[in-house]
Amino acid sequence: MDYYTIWCNLKDSRKDLEFAVALRAYLDRLVESGRVLDYRITRRKLGFGPPELGEFGIVIAVADLAQLDQVFGQVAARAGELERLHGAVYSLVTDFRAGLYRDFPDPQRTGTGGRADV
């Protein structure tokens, strides 16, 4: 499993609930249509965490890079209902950062400790 991880702040922190509603609508649509497997929305608590990562964290689970690439392609088309939902989220966000993580050790991993078995 791969995890597309996003960190961000809001342009206007007073719109935090609006952001959460819009983000859930967008991500629920991706899950319902089978484009992604699952997601989680988090918010920094008590100010703990590196400020450069932003106040909000979003983790989107996909089966593999092929699924993620397909989702990116569909969102990049910037058309239809998916664009409307994405735009409602993106218009509220600033300081966007993203990363890609995987379960570890993953099924492709052989051997131990990163060294070839002798």
PDB file of N, CA and C in Angstrom:
ATOM      1  N   MET A   1       0.845  -1.171   0.000  1.00  0.00           N
ATOM      2  CA  MET A   1       0.000   0.000   0.000  1.00  0.00           C
ATOM      3  C   MET A   1       0.891   1.235   0.000  1.00  0.00           C
ATOM      4  N   ASP A   2       0.458   2.260  -0.737  1.00  0.00           N
ATOM      5  CA  ASP A   2       1.165   3.540  -0.780  1.00  0.00           C
ATOM      6  C   ASP A   2       0.281   4.615  -0.158  1.00  0.00           C
ATOM      7  N   TYR A   3       0.916   5.622   0.417  1.00  0.00           N
ATOM      8  CA  TYR A   3       0.203   6.690   1.103  1.00  0.00           C
ATOM      9  C   TYR A   3       0.660   8.027   0.573  1.00  0.00           C
ATOM     10  N   TYR A   4      -0.236   8.701  -0.124  1.00  0.00           N
ATOM     11  CA  TYR A   4       0.029  10.062  -0.593  1.00  0.00           C
ATOM     12  C   TYR A   4      -0.296  10.968   0.583  1.00  0.00           C
ATOM     13  N   THR A   5       0.711  11.631   1.105  1.00  0.00           N
ATOM     14  CA  THR A   5       0.575  12.412   2.327  1.00  0.00           C
ATOM     15  C   THR A   5       0.695  13.891   2.002  1.00  0.00           C
ATOM     16  N   ILE A   6      -0.251  14.658   2.488  1.00  0.00           N
ATOM     17  CA  ILE A   6      -0.307  16.095   2.219  1.00  0.00           C
ATOM     18  C   ILE A   6      -0.276  16.832   3.547  1.00  0.00           C
ATOM     19  N   TRP A   7       0.467  17.924   3.580  1.00  0.00           N
ATOM     20  CA  TRP A   7       0.453  18.840   4.711  1.00  0.00           C
ATOM     21  C   TRP A   7       0.120  20.213   4.159  1.00  0.00           C
ATOM     22  N   CYS A   8      -0.662  20.988   4.908  1.00  0.00           N
ATOM     23  CA  CYS A   8      -1.016  22.324   4.436  1.00  0.00           C
ATOM     24  C   CYS A   8      -1.504  23.185   5.584  1.00  0.00           C
ATOM     25  N   ASN A   9      -1.616  24.453   5.274  1.00  0.00           N
ATOM     26  CA  ASN A   9      -2.283  25.417   6.138  1.00  0.00           C
ATOM     27  C   ASN A   9      -3.506  25.916   5.387  1.00  0.00           C
ATOM     28  N   LEU A  10      -4.318  26.688   6.079  1.00  0.00           N
ATOM     29  CA  LEU A  10      -5.466  27.319   5.439  1.00  0.00           C
ATOM     30  C   LEU A  10      -5.171  28.795   5.211  1.00  0.00           C
ATOM     31  N   LYS A  11      -5.685  29.316   4.112  1.00  0.00           N
ATOM     32  CA  LYS A  11      -5.536  30.750   3.842  1.00  0.00           C
ATOM     33  C   LYS A  11      -6.210  31.558   4.940  1.00  0.00           C
ATOM     34  N   ASP A  12      -7.333  31.059   5.440  1.00  0.00           N
ATOM     35  CA  ASP A  12      -8.092  31.703   6.503  1.00  0.00           C
ATOM     36  C   ASP A  12      -8.466  30.626   7.518  1.00  0.00           C
ATOM     37  N   SER A  13      -7.795  30.633   8.660  1.00  0.00           N
ATOM     38  CA  SER A  13      -7.996  29.566   9.650  1.00  0.00           C
ATOM     39  C   SER A  13      -9.412  29.539  10.208  1.00  0.00           C
ATOM     40  N   ARG A  14     -10.179  30.606  10.013  1.00  0.00           N
ATOM     41  CA  ARG A  14     -11.577  30.612  10.473  1.00  0.00           C
ATOM     42  C   ARG A  14     -12.444  29.698   9.614  1.00  0.00           C
ATOM     43  N   LYS A  15     -11.915  29.235   8.489  1.00  0.00           N
ATOM     44  CA  LYS A  15     -12.671  28.365   7.594  1.00  0.00           C
ATOM     45  C   LYS A  15     -12.310  26.892   7.791  1.00  0.00           C
ATOM     46  N   ASP A  16     -11.862  26.543   8.997  1.00  0.00           N
ATOM     47  CA  ASP A  16     -11.416  25.178   9.254  1.00  0.00           C
ATOM     48  C   ASP A  16     -12.526  24.141   9.073  1.00  0.00           C
ATOM     49  N   LEU A  17     -13.732  24.429   9.537  1.00  0.00           N
ATOM     50  CA  LEU A  17     -14.827  23.469   9.376  1.00  0.00           C
ATOM     51  C   LEU A  17     -15.290  23.410   7.921  1.00  0.00           C
ATOM     52  N   GLU A  18     -15.295  24.543   7.240  1.00  0.00           N
ATOM     53  CA  GLU A  18     -15.619  24.556   5.810  1.00  0.00           C
ATOM     54  C   GLU A  18     -14.629  23.691   5.034  1.00  0.00           C
ATOM     55  N   PHE A  19     -13.361  23.811   5.398  1.00  0.00           N
ATOM     56  CA  PHE A  19     -12.314  23.001   4.773  1.00  0.00           C
ATOM     57  C   PHE A  19     -12.562  21.517   5.024  1.00  0.00           C
ATOM     58  N   ALA A  20     -12.854  21.151   6.264  1.00  0.00           N
ATOM     59  CA  ALA A  20     -13.070  19.741   6.601  1.00  0.00           C
ATOM     60  C   ALA A  20     -14.264  19.170   5.843  1.00  0.00           C
ATOM     61  N   VAL A  21     -15.344  19.917   5.738  1.00  0.00           N
ATOM     62  CA  VAL A  21     -16.529  19.449   5.010  1.00  0.00           C
ATOM     63  C   VAL A  21     -16.212  19.276   3.530  1.00  0.00           C
ATOM     64  N   ALA A  22     -15.544  20.264   2.941  1.00  0.00           N
ATOM     65  CA  ALA A  22     -15.196  20.201   1.514  1.00  0.00           C
ATOM     66  C   ALA A  22     -14.227  19.053   1.235  1.00  0.00           C
ATOM     67  N   LEU A  23     -13.250  18.879   2.104  1.00  0.00           N
ATOM     68  CA  LEU A  23     -12.264  17.820   1.906  1.00  0.00           C
ATOM     69  C   LEU A  23     -12.909  16.444   2.024  1.00  0.00           C
ATOM     70  N   ARG A  24     -13.783  16.267   2.998  1.00  0.00           N
ATOM     71  CA  ARG A  24     -14.488  14.981   3.143  1.00  0.00           C
ATOM     72  C   ARG A  24     -15.362  14.693   1.919  1.00  0.00           C
ATOM     73  N   ALA A  25     -16.044  15.699   1.403  1.00  0.00           N
ATOM     74  CA  ALA A  25     -16.880  15.491   0.218  1.00  0.00           C
ATOM     75  C   ALA A  25     -16.031  15.033  -0.962  1.00  0.00           C
ATOM     76  N   TYR A  26     -14.886  15.660  -1.147  1.00  0.00           N
ATOM     77  CA  TYR A  26     -13.974  15.314  -2.240  1.00  0.00           C
ATOM     78  C   TYR A  26     -13.400  13.907  -2.063  1.00  0.00           C
ATOM     79  N   LEU A  27     -12.850  13.645  -0.886  1.00  0.00           N
ATOM     80  CA  LEU A  27     -12.213  12.346  -0.652  1.00  0.00           C
ATOM     81  C   LEU A  27     -13.234  11.214  -0.569  1.00  0.00           C
ATOM     82  N   ASP A  28     -14.414  11.481  -0.017  1.00  0.00           N
ATOM     83  CA  ASP A  28     -15.466  10.459  -0.021  1.00  0.00           C
ATOM     84  C   ASP A  28     -15.822  10.071  -1.452  1.00  0.00           C
ATOM     85  N   ARG A  29     -15.875  11.042  -2.355  1.00  0.00           N
ATOM     86  CA  ARG A  29     -16.180  10.742  -3.754  1.00  0.00           C
ATOM     87  C   ARG A  29     -15.097   9.857  -4.359  1.00  0.00           C
ATOM     88  N   LEU A  30     -13.832  10.130  -4.022  1.00  0.00           N
ATOM     89  CA  LEU A  30     -12.744   9.304  -4.543  1.00  0.00           C
ATOM     90  C   LEU A  30     -12.821   7.868  -4.008  1.00  0.00           C
ATOM     91  N   VAL A  31     -13.197   7.721  -2.742  1.00  0.00           N
ATOM     92  CA  VAL A  31     -13.331   6.385  -2.153  1.00  0.00           C
ATOM     93  C   VAL A  31     -14.531   5.657  -2.754  1.00  0.00           C
ATOM     94  N   GLU A  32     -15.673   6.333  -2.812  1.00  0.00           N
ATOM     95  CA  GLU A  32     -16.898   5.708  -3.338  1.00  0.00           C
ATOM     96  C   GLU A  32     -16.727   5.222  -4.775  1.00  0.00           C
ATOM     97  N   SER A  33     -15.937   5.939  -5.551  1.00  0.00           N
ATOM     98  CA  SER A  33     -15.734   5.576  -6.957  1.00  0.00           C
ATOM     99  C   SER A  33     -14.592   4.579  -7.133  1.00  0.00           C
ATOM    100  N   GLY A  34     -13.943   4.193  -6.025  1.00  0.00           N
ATOM    101  CA  GLY A  34     -12.849   3.231  -6.092  1.00  0.00           C
ATOM    102  C   GLY A  34     -11.535   3.819  -6.573  1.00  0.00           C
ATOM    103  N   ARG A  35     -11.451   5.139  -6.656  1.00  0.00           N
ATOM    104  CA  ARG A  35     -10.213   5.777  -7.123  1.00  0.00           C
ATOM    105  C   ARG A  35      -9.113   5.714  -6.074  1.00  0.00           C
ATOM    106  N   VAL A  36      -9.509   5.778  -4.789  1.00  0.00           N
ATOM    107  CA  VAL A  36      -8.565   5.607  -3.679  1.00  0.00           C
ATOM    108  C   VAL A  36      -9.191   4.636  -2.682  1.00  0.00           C
ATOM    109  N   LEU A  37      -8.375   4.077  -1.806  1.00  0.00           N
ATOM    110  CA  LEU A  37      -8.860   3.081  -0.859  1.00  0.00           C
ATOM    111  C   LEU A  37      -9.430   3.685   0.417  1.00  0.00           C
ATOM    112  N   ASP A  38      -8.749   4.697   0.935  1.00  0.00           N
ATOM    113  CA  ASP A  38      -9.147   5.264   2.216  1.00  0.00           C
ATOM    114  C   ASP A  38      -8.406   6.579   2.404  1.00  0.00           C
ATOM    115  N   TYR A  39      -8.761   7.309   3.457  1.00  0.00           N
ATOM    116  CA  TYR A  39      -8.061   8.551   3.773  1.00  0.00           C
ATOM    117  C   TYR A  39      -8.217   8.861   5.256  1.00  0.00           C
ATOM    118  N   ARG A  40      -7.394   9.776   5.698  1.00  0.00           N
ATOM    119  CA  ARG A  40      -7.472  10.274   7.074  1.00  0.00           C
ATOM    120  C   ARG A  40      -7.105  11.756   7.055  1.00  0.00           C
ATOM    121  N   ILE A  41      -7.868  12.549   7.791  1.00  0.00           N
ATOM    122  CA  ILE A  41      -7.600  13.974   7.937  1.00  0.00           C
ATOM    123  C   ILE A  41      -7.186  14.217   9.380  1.00  0.00           C
ATOM    124  N   THR A  42      -6.058  14.901   9.563  1.00  0.00           N
ATOM    125  CA  THR A  42      -5.590  15.210  10.913  1.00  0.00           C
ATOM    126  C   THR A  42      -5.261  16.695  11.017  1.00  0.00           C
ATOM    127  N   ARG A  43      -5.224  17.180  12.239  1.00  0.00           N
ATOM    128  CA  ARG A  43      -4.855  18.567  12.505  1.00  0.00           C
ATOM    129  C   ARG A  43      -3.862  18.580  13.655  1.00  0.00           C
ATOM    130  N   ARG A  44      -2.852  19.395  13.527  1.00  0.00           N
ATOM    131  CA  ARG A  44      -1.844  19.520  14.581  1.00  0.00           C
ATOM    132  C   ARG A  44      -2.529  19.853  15.902  1.00  0.00           C
ATOM    133  N   LYS A  45      -2.037  19.242  16.960  1.00  0.00           N
ATOM    134  CA  LYS A  45      -2.628  19.433  18.281  1.00  0.00           C
ATOM    135  C   LYS A  45      -1.637  20.142  19.198  1.00  0.00           C
ATOM    136  N   LEU A  46      -2.136  21.127  19.904  1.00  0.00           N
ATOM    137  CA  LEU A  46      -1.348  21.866  20.900  1.00  0.00           C
ATOM    138  C   LEU A  46      -0.085  22.490  20.307  1.00  0.00           C
ATOM    139  N   GLY A  47      -0.082  22.719  19.003  1.00  0.00           N
ATOM    140  CA  GLY A  47       1.078  23.347  18.364  1.00  0.00           C
ATOM    141  C   GLY A  47       2.270  22.428  18.176  1.00  0.00           C
ATOM    142  N   PHE A  48       2.118  21.139  18.496  1.00  0.00           N
ATOM    143  CA  PHE A  48       3.233  20.200  18.354  1.00  0.00           C
ATOM    144  C   PHE A  48       3.418  19.829  16.889  1.00  0.00           C
ATOM    145  N   GLY A  49       4.645  19.886  16.438  1.00  0.00           N
ATOM    146  CA  GLY A  49       4.970  19.506  15.065  1.00  0.00           C
ATOM    147  C   GLY A  49       5.760  20.586  14.371  1.00  0.00           C
ATOM    148  N   PRO A  50       6.508  20.210  13.347  1.00  0.00           N
ATOM    149  CA  PRO A  50       7.304  21.193  12.614  1.00  0.00           C
ATOM    150  C   PRO A  50       6.410  22.161  11.848  1.00  0.00           C
ATOM    151  N   PRO A  51       6.586  23.457  12.027  1.00  0.00           N
ATOM    152  CA  PRO A  51       5.709  24.427  11.377  1.00  0.00           C
ATOM    153  C   PRO A  51       5.762  24.364   9.845  1.00  0.00           C
ATOM    154  N   GLU A  52       6.877  23.940   9.292  1.00  0.00           N
ATOM    155  CA  GLU A  52       6.993  23.885   7.832  1.00  0.00           C
ATOM    156  C   GLU A  52       6.096  22.823   7.205  1.00  0.00           C
ATOM    157  N   LEU A  53       5.560  21.899   8.014  1.00  0.00           N
ATOM    158  CA  LEU A  53       4.658  20.882   7.478  1.00  0.00           C
ATOM    159  C   LEU A  53       3.202  21.336   7.464  1.00  0.00           C
ATOM    160  N   GLY A  54       2.877  22.398   8.126  1.00  0.00           N
ATOM    161  CA  GLY A  54       1.503  22.873   8.103  1.00  0.00           C
ATOM    162  C   GLY A  54       0.671  22.312   9.233  1.00  0.00           C
ATOM    163  N   GLU A  55      -0.480  22.915   9.401  1.00  0.00           N
ATOM    164  CA  GLU A  55      -1.358  22.564  10.507  1.00  0.00           C
ATOM    165  C   GLU A  55      -2.188  21.309  10.235  1.00  0.00           C
ATOM    166  N   PHE A  56      -2.504  21.067   8.969  1.00  0.00           N
ATOM    167  CA  PHE A  56      -3.338  19.925   8.603  1.00  0.00           C
ATOM    168  C   PHE A  56      -2.517  18.853   7.910  1.00  0.00           C
ATOM    169  N   GLY A  57      -2.872  17.602   8.163  1.00  0.00           N
ATOM    170  CA  GLY A  57      -2.263  16.466   7.485  1.00  0.00           C
ATOM    171  C   GLY A  57      -3.359  15.600   6.878  1.00  0.00           C
ATOM    172  N   ILE A  58      -3.157  15.207   5.644  1.00  0.00           N
ATOM    173  CA  ILE A  58      -4.116  14.344   4.954  1.00  0.00           C
ATOM    174  C   ILE A  58      -3.335  13.151   4.420  1.00  0.00           C
ATOM    175  N   VAL A  59      -3.785  11.955   4.718  1.00  0.00           N
ATOM    176  CA  VAL A  59      -3.149  10.743   4.217  1.00  0.00           C
ATOM    177  C   VAL A  59      -4.169  10.018   3.342  1.00  0.00           C
ATOM    178  N   ILE A  60      -3.788   9.788   2.088  1.00  0.00           N
ATOM    179  CA  ILE A  60      -4.661   9.116   1.127  1.00  0.00           C
ATOM    180  C   ILE A  60      -4.024   7.780   0.767  1.00  0.00           C
ATOM    181  N   ALA A  61      -4.736   6.684   1.028  1.00  0.00           N
ATOM    182  CA  ALA A  61      -4.219   5.339   0.781  1.00  0.00           C
ATOM    183  C   ALA A  61      -4.624   4.869  -0.613  1.00  0.00           C
ATOM    184  N   VAL A  62      -3.632   4.362  -1.352  1.00  0.00           N
ATOM    185  CA  VAL A  62      -3.864   3.765  -2.669  1.00  0.00           C
ATOM    186  C   VAL A  62      -3.172   2.405  -2.708  1.00  0.00           C
ATOM    187  N   ALA A  63      -3.629   1.553  -3.598  1.00  0.00           N
ATOM    188  CA  ALA A  63      -3.061   0.205  -3.694  1.00  0.00           C
ATOM    189  C   ALA A  63      -1.616   0.246  -4.168  1.00  0.00           C
ATOM    190  N   ASP A  64      -1.350   1.129  -5.141  1.00  0.00           N
ATOM    191  CA  ASP A  64      -0.015   1.193  -5.731  1.00  0.00           C
ATOM    192  C   ASP A  64       0.144   2.488  -6.517  1.00  0.00           C
ATOM    193  N   LEU A  65       1.315   2.684  -7.094  1.00  0.00           N
ATOM    194  CA  LEU A  65       1.576   3.911  -7.847  1.00  0.00           C
ATOM    195  C   LEU A  65       0.711   4.028  -9.089  1.00  0.00           C
ATOM    196  N   ALA A  66       0.332   2.911  -9.677  1.00  0.00           N
ATOM    197  CA  ALA A  66      -0.539   2.944 -10.855  1.00  0.00           C
ATOM    198  C   ALA A  66      -1.889   3.564 -10.495  1.00  0.00           C
ATOM    199  N   GLN A  67      -2.444   3.194  -9.350  1.00  0.00           N
ATOM    200  CA  GLN A  67      -3.713   3.769  -8.921  1.00  0.00           C
ATOM    201  C   GLN A  67      -3.568   5.256  -8.651  1.00  0.00           C
ATOM    202  N   LEU A  68      -2.479   5.651  -7.998  1.00  0.00           N
ATOM    203  CA  LEU A  68      -2.238   7.064  -7.721  1.00  0.00           C
ATOM    204  C   LEU A  68      -2.087   7.859  -9.015  1.00  0.00           C
ATOM    205  N   ASP A  69      -1.365   7.306  -9.978  1.00  0.00           N
ATOM    206  CA  ASP A  69      -1.175   7.974 -11.259  1.00  0.00           C
ATOM    207  C   ASP A  69      -2.517   8.148 -11.975  1.00  0.00           C
ATOM    208  N   GLN A  70      -3.370   7.154 -11.886  1.00  0.00           N
ATOM    209  CA  GLN A  70      -4.686   7.242 -12.513  1.00  0.00           C
ATOM    210  C   GLN A  70      -5.511   8.360 -11.866  1.00  0.00           C
ATOM    211  N   VAL A  71      -5.483   8.465 -10.547  1.00  0.00           N
ATOM    212  CA  VAL A  71      -6.208   9.529  -9.845  1.00  0.00           C
ATOM    213  C   VAL A  71      -5.661  10.888 -10.257  1.00  0.00           C
ATOM    214  N   PHE A  72      -4.335  11.034 -10.294  1.00  0.00           N
ATOM    215  CA  PHE A  72      -3.747  12.303 -10.703  1.00  0.00           C
ATOM    216  C   PHE A  72      -4.216  12.683 -12.104  1.00  0.00           C
ATOM    217  N   GLY A  73      -4.267  11.721 -12.999  1.00  0.00           N
ATOM    218  CA  GLY A  73      -4.717  11.978 -14.363  1.00  0.00           C
ATOM    219  C   GLY A  73      -6.155  12.459 -14.421  1.00  0.00           C
ATOM    220  N   GLN A  74      -7.004  11.856 -13.605  1.00  0.00           N
ATOM    221  CA  GLN A  74      -8.411  12.246 -13.584  1.00  0.00           C
ATOM    222  C   GLN A  74      -8.603  13.627 -12.977  1.00  0.00           C
ATOM    223  N   VAL A  75      -7.866  13.933 -11.921  1.00  0.00           N
ATOM    224  CA  VAL A  75      -7.968  15.250 -11.295  1.00  0.00           C
ATOM    225  C   VAL A  75      -7.367  16.317 -12.213  1.00  0.00           C
ATOM    226  N   ALA A  76      -6.285  15.987 -12.905  1.00  0.00           N
ATOM    227  CA  ALA A  76      -5.626  16.944 -13.799  1.00  0.00           C
ATOM    228  C   ALA A  76      -6.504  17.346 -14.984  1.00  0.00           C
ATOM    229  N   ALA A  77      -7.503  16.555 -15.303  1.00  0.00           N
ATOM    230  CA  ALA A  77      -8.412  16.897 -16.395  1.00  0.00           C
ATOM    231  C   ALA A  77      -9.196  18.175 -16.084  1.00  0.00           C
ATOM    232  N   ARG A  78      -9.329  18.491 -14.800  1.00  0.00           N
ATOM    233  CA  ARG A  78      -9.986  19.710 -14.338  1.00  0.00           C
ATOM    234  C   ARG A  78     -11.357  19.901 -14.973  1.00  0.00           C
ATOM    235  N   ALA A  79     -12.169  18.857 -14.861  1.00  0.00           N
ATOM    236  CA  ALA A  79     -13.492  18.915 -15.466  1.00  0.00           C
ATOM    237  C   ALA A  79     -14.506  18.205 -14.581  1.00  0.00           C
ATOM    238  N   GLY A  80     -15.758  18.595 -14.714  1.00  0.00           N
ATOM    239  CA  GLY A  80     -16.854  17.890 -14.089  1.00  0.00           C
ATOM    240  C   GLY A  80     -16.924  18.036 -12.581  1.00  0.00           C
ATOM    241  N   GLU A  81     -17.659  17.099 -11.994  1.00  0.00           N
ATOM    242  CA  GLU A  81     -17.919  17.101 -10.551  1.00  0.00           C
ATOM    243  C   GLU A  81     -16.635  16.985  -9.732  1.00  0.00           C
ATOM    244  N   LEU A  82     -15.693  16.181 -10.195  1.00  0.00           N
ATOM    245  CA  LEU A  82     -14.432  16.015  -9.472  1.00  0.00           C
ATOM    246  C   LEU A  82     -13.678  17.334  -9.371  1.00  0.00           C
ATOM    247  N   GLU A  83     -13.683  18.117 -10.435  1.00  0.00           N
ATOM    248  CA  GLU A  83     -13.017  19.433 -10.406  1.00  0.00           C
ATOM    249  C   GLU A  83     -13.723  20.384  -9.457  1.00  0.00           C
ATOM    250  N   ARG A  84     -15.040  20.342  -9.444  1.00  0.00           N
ATOM    251  CA  ARG A  84     -15.782  21.210  -8.533  1.00  0.00           C
ATOM    252  C   ARG A  84     -15.431  20.886  -7.076  1.00  0.00           C
ATOM    253  N   LEU A  85     -15.387  19.603  -6.756  1.00  0.00           N
ATOM    254  CA  LEU A  85     -15.058  19.184  -5.395  1.00  0.00           C
ATOM    255  C   LEU A  85     -13.619  19.521  -5.042  1.00  0.00           C
ATOM    256  N   HIS A  86     -12.698  19.276  -5.963  1.00  0.00           N
ATOM    257  CA  HIS A  86     -11.284  19.583  -5.732  1.00  0.00           C
ATOM    258  C   HIS A  86     -11.083  21.088  -5.569  1.00  0.00           C
ATOM    259  N   GLY A  87     -11.732  21.878  -6.407  1.00  0.00           N
ATOM    260  CA  GLY A  87     -11.604  23.332  -6.336  1.00  0.00           C
ATOM    261  C   GLY A  87     -12.086  23.897  -5.013  1.00  0.00           C
ATOM    262  N   ALA A  88     -13.142  23.311  -4.460  1.00  0.00           N
ATOM    263  CA  ALA A  88     -13.663  23.771  -3.170  1.00  0.00           C
ATOM    264  C   ALA A  88     -12.648  23.572  -2.055  1.00  0.00           C
ATOM    265  N   VAL A  89     -11.804  22.559  -2.187  1.00  0.00           N
ATOM    266  CA  VAL A  89     -10.749  22.300  -1.200  1.00  0.00           C
ATOM    267  C   VAL A  89      -9.540  23.183  -1.489  1.00  0.00           C
ATOM    268  N   TYR A  90      -9.057  23.117  -2.716  1.00  0.00           N
ATOM    269  CA  TYR A  90      -7.805  23.789  -3.079  1.00  0.00           C
ATOM    270  C   TYR A  90      -7.887  25.298  -2.886  1.00  0.00           C
ATOM    271  N   SER A  91      -9.064  25.871  -3.062  1.00  0.00           N
ATOM    272  CA  SER A  91      -9.218  27.322  -2.922  1.00  0.00           C
ATOM    273  C   SER A  91      -8.995  27.790  -1.490  1.00  0.00           C
ATOM    274  N   LEU A  92      -9.057  26.890  -0.524  1.00  0.00           N
ATOM    275  CA  LEU A  92      -8.894  27.240   0.885  1.00  0.00           C
ATOM    276  C   LEU A  92      -7.474  27.024   1.409  1.00  0.00           C
ATOM    277  N   VAL A  93      -6.617  26.381   0.599  1.00  0.00           N
ATOM    278  CA  VAL A  93      -5.326  25.870   1.069  1.00  0.00           C
ATOM    279  C   VAL A  93      -4.161  26.775   0.671  1.00  0.00           C
ATOM    280  N   THR A  94      -3.176  26.818   1.557  1.00  0.00           N
ATOM    281  CA  THR A  94      -1.896  27.454   1.250  1.00  0.00           C
ATOM    282  C   THR A  94      -0.782  26.583   1.844  1.00  0.00           C
ATOM    283  N   ASP A  95       0.443  26.873   1.471  1.00  0.00           N
ATOM    284  CA  ASP A  95       1.612  26.150   2.008  1.00  0.00           C
ATOM    285  C   ASP A  95       1.519  24.642   1.784  1.00  0.00           C
ATOM    286  N   PHE A  96       1.063  24.241   0.609  1.00  0.00           N
ATOM    287  CA  PHE A  96       0.894  22.837   0.253  1.00  0.00           C
ATOM    288  C   PHE A  96       2.246  22.125   0.197  1.00  0.00           C
ATOM    289  N   ARG A  97       2.315  20.968   0.827  1.00  0.00           N
ATOM    290  CA  ARG A  97       3.481  20.091   0.753  1.00  0.00           C
ATOM    291  C   ARG A  97       2.940  18.674   0.597  1.00  0.00           C
ATOM    292  N   ALA A  98       3.692  17.818  -0.078  1.00  0.00           N
ATOM    293  CA  ALA A  98       3.226  16.445  -0.253  1.00  0.00           C
ATOM    294  C   ALA A  98       4.403  15.481  -0.215  1.00  0.00           C
ATOM    295  N   GLY A  99       4.113  14.255   0.142  1.00  0.00           N
ATOM    296  CA  GLY A  99       5.104  13.189   0.165  1.00  0.00           C
ATOM    297  C   GLY A  99       4.434  11.878  -0.175  1.00  0.00           C
ATOM    298  N   LEU A 100       5.256  10.894  -0.474  1.00  0.00           N
ATOM    299  CA  LEU A 100       4.741   9.572  -0.804  1.00  0.00           C
ATOM    300  C   LEU A 100       5.422   8.552   0.096  1.00  0.00           C
ATOM    301  N   TYR A 101       4.624   7.786   0.817  1.00  0.00           N
ATOM    302  CA  TYR A 101       5.126   6.784   1.752  1.00  0.00           C
ATOM    303  C   TYR A 101       4.570   5.423   1.371  1.00  0.00           C
ATOM    304  N   ARG A 102       5.150   4.371   1.947  1.00  0.00           N
ATOM    305  CA  ARG A 102       4.703   3.008   1.679  1.00  0.00           C
ATOM    306  C   ARG A 102       4.743   2.203   2.966  1.00  0.00           C
ATOM    307  N   ASP A 103       3.982   1.128   2.982  1.00  0.00           N
ATOM    308  CA  ASP A 103       4.121   0.189   4.092  1.00  0.00           C
ATOM    309  C   ASP A 103       5.530  -0.372   4.053  1.00  0.00           C
ATOM    310  N   PHE A 104       6.096  -0.648   5.218  1.00  0.00           N
ATOM    311  CA  PHE A 104       7.452  -1.178   5.259  1.00  0.00           C
ATOM    312  C   PHE A 104       7.562  -2.212   6.364  1.00  0.00           C
ATOM    313  N   PRO A 105       8.209  -3.318   6.118  1.00  0.00           N
ATOM    314  CA  PRO A 105       8.725  -3.715   4.806  1.00  0.00           C
ATOM    315  C   PRO A 105       7.579  -4.084   3.876  1.00  0.00           C
ATOM    316  N   ASP A 106       7.729  -3.759   2.617  1.00  0.00           N
ATOM    317  CA  ASP A 106       6.690  -4.043   1.640  1.00  0.00           C
ATOM    318  C   ASP A 106       6.954  -5.383   0.964  1.00  0.00           C
ATOM    319  N   PRO A 107       5.981  -5.895   0.211  1.00  0.00           N
ATOM    320  CA  PRO A 107       6.125  -7.232  -0.387  1.00  0.00           C
ATOM    321  C   PRO A 107       7.317  -7.365  -1.344  1.00  0.00           C
ATOM    322  N   GLN A 108       7.766  -6.243  -1.908  1.00  0.00           N
ATOM    323  CA  GLN A 108       8.887  -6.302  -2.846  1.00  0.00           C
ATOM    324  C   GLN A 108      10.230  -6.481  -2.146  1.00  0.00           C
ATOM    325  N   ARG A 109      10.258  -6.257  -0.855  1.00  0.00           N
ATOM    326  CA  ARG A 109      11.508  -6.296  -0.096  1.00  0.00           C
ATOM    327  C   ARG A 109      11.952  -7.739   0.107  1.00  0.00           C
ATOM    328  N   THR A 110      13.197  -8.008  -0.213  1.00  0.00           N
ATOM    329  CA  THR A 110      13.771  -9.329   0.045  1.00  0.00           C
ATOM    330  C   THR A 110      14.989  -9.161   0.939  1.00  0.00           C
ATOM    331  N   GLY A 111      15.331 -10.186   1.635  1.00  0.00           N
ATOM    332  CA  GLY A 111      16.493 -10.117   2.512  1.00  0.00           C
ATOM    333  C   GLY A 111      16.184  -9.340   3.775  1.00  0.00           C
ATOM    334  N   THR A 112      17.220  -9.042   4.557  1.00  0.00           N
ATOM    335  CA  THR A 112      17.056  -8.296   5.799  1.00  0.00           C
ATOM    336  C   THR A 112      18.131  -7.242   5.879  1.00  0.00           C
ATOM    337  N   GLY A 113      17.800  -6.184   6.542  1.00  0.00           N
ATOM    338  CA  GLY A 113      18.781  -5.139   6.811  1.00  0.00           C
ATOM    339  C   GLY A 113      19.316  -4.437   5.565  1.00  0.00           C
ATOM    340  N   GLY A 114      18.651  -4.581   4.446  1.00  0.00           N
ATOM    341  CA  GLY A 114      19.081  -3.890   3.242  1.00  0.00           C
ATOM    342  C   GLY A 114      20.296  -4.513   2.586  1.00  0.00           C
ATOM    343  N   ARG A 115      20.772  -5.658   3.104  1.00  0.00           N
ATOM    344  CA  ARG A 115      21.937  -6.319   2.516  1.00  0.00           C
ATOM    345  C   ARG A 115      21.493  -7.561   1.764  1.00  0.00           C
ATOM    346  N   ALA A 116      22.169  -7.850   0.703  1.00  0.00           N
ATOM    347  CA  ALA A 116      21.844  -9.062  -0.071  1.00  0.00           C
ATOM    348  C   ALA A 116      22.151 -10.288   0.773  1.00  0.00           C
ATOM    349  N   ASP A 117      21.286 -11.292   0.727  1.00  0.00           N
ATOM    350  CA  ASP A 117      21.547 -12.551   1.417  1.00  0.00           C
ATOM    351  C   ASP A 117      22.681 -13.267   0.701  1.00  0.00           C
ATOM    352  N   VAL A 118      23.545 -13.865   1.493  1.00  0.00           N
ATOM    353  CA  VAL A 118      24.690 -14.593   0.916  1.00  0.00           C
ATOM    354  C   VAL A 118      24.408 -16.052   0.885  1.00  0.00           C
TER     355      VAL A 118
END
